[in-house]
Amino acid sequence: MPFVFEKTEIEDVILVKPQVFGDNRGFFMESYKKSDFYANGIKVEFNQDNHSCSSKNVLRGLHYQIPPYAQAKLVRCSKGRIYDVAVDIRPNSKTFGKYVKVELSEDNKHMLYIPEGFAHGFVVLSDSAELLYKASGEYNPSADRGILWCDEDINIDWGIDFTPILSKKDENQPKLSKINKKELLND
């Protein structure tokens, strides 16, 4: 099997480690194979691929979309190095408000599967970083929401000793306690 699927501290968030075949010419790896993902419980139909590039010390997030436009994501860092964070915002979850943080890099080639019901963010640790990620739903501006990256109630250890570079949007996101939890329910 070309992947190892590892549970994280939050069961539904999965670290995916691809098998990488490398030699003096470079490397080859499968970054997604529907049958393997489905066999390991990730039964998501991805509908959009995204590619972003960010400079050193940039922090993006924490972002999510509300139902019926919620998105599951499969995130990987193809260039550089980041800390990737997923926060459980499912109102009825026993891990509501908890987070998973993993390092994704061009060197380790790991991917993070983030199901619907999670806010997502990352901080760039290298000079720049490029992220490639699959999303289960298309971006919908009217469903776009966020949470303040430094919310004390979540208390994310971003693992940084600098003030991150943020967008105006991310500087002004609400705290988790102020978001409309009714919007998050998929009724």
Foldseek 3Di string as FASTA:
>chain_A
DQWDWAADPPRVKIKIFGHWADDPVGIDTDPDDQVVCVVVPNNFDFDDKDKDKFFAQAKDFQKFFFPPQTKKKKKAWQAAKKWKKKAACQPPDPRHLEMDIDMHHNVRRMIMTGGGRIGIMMHGHGRMIMMMMTIRGDDDVVRMAGAAPCQVSSRDPRVDDDNGDYDPRNNDHHHSVPDDNVRRDPD
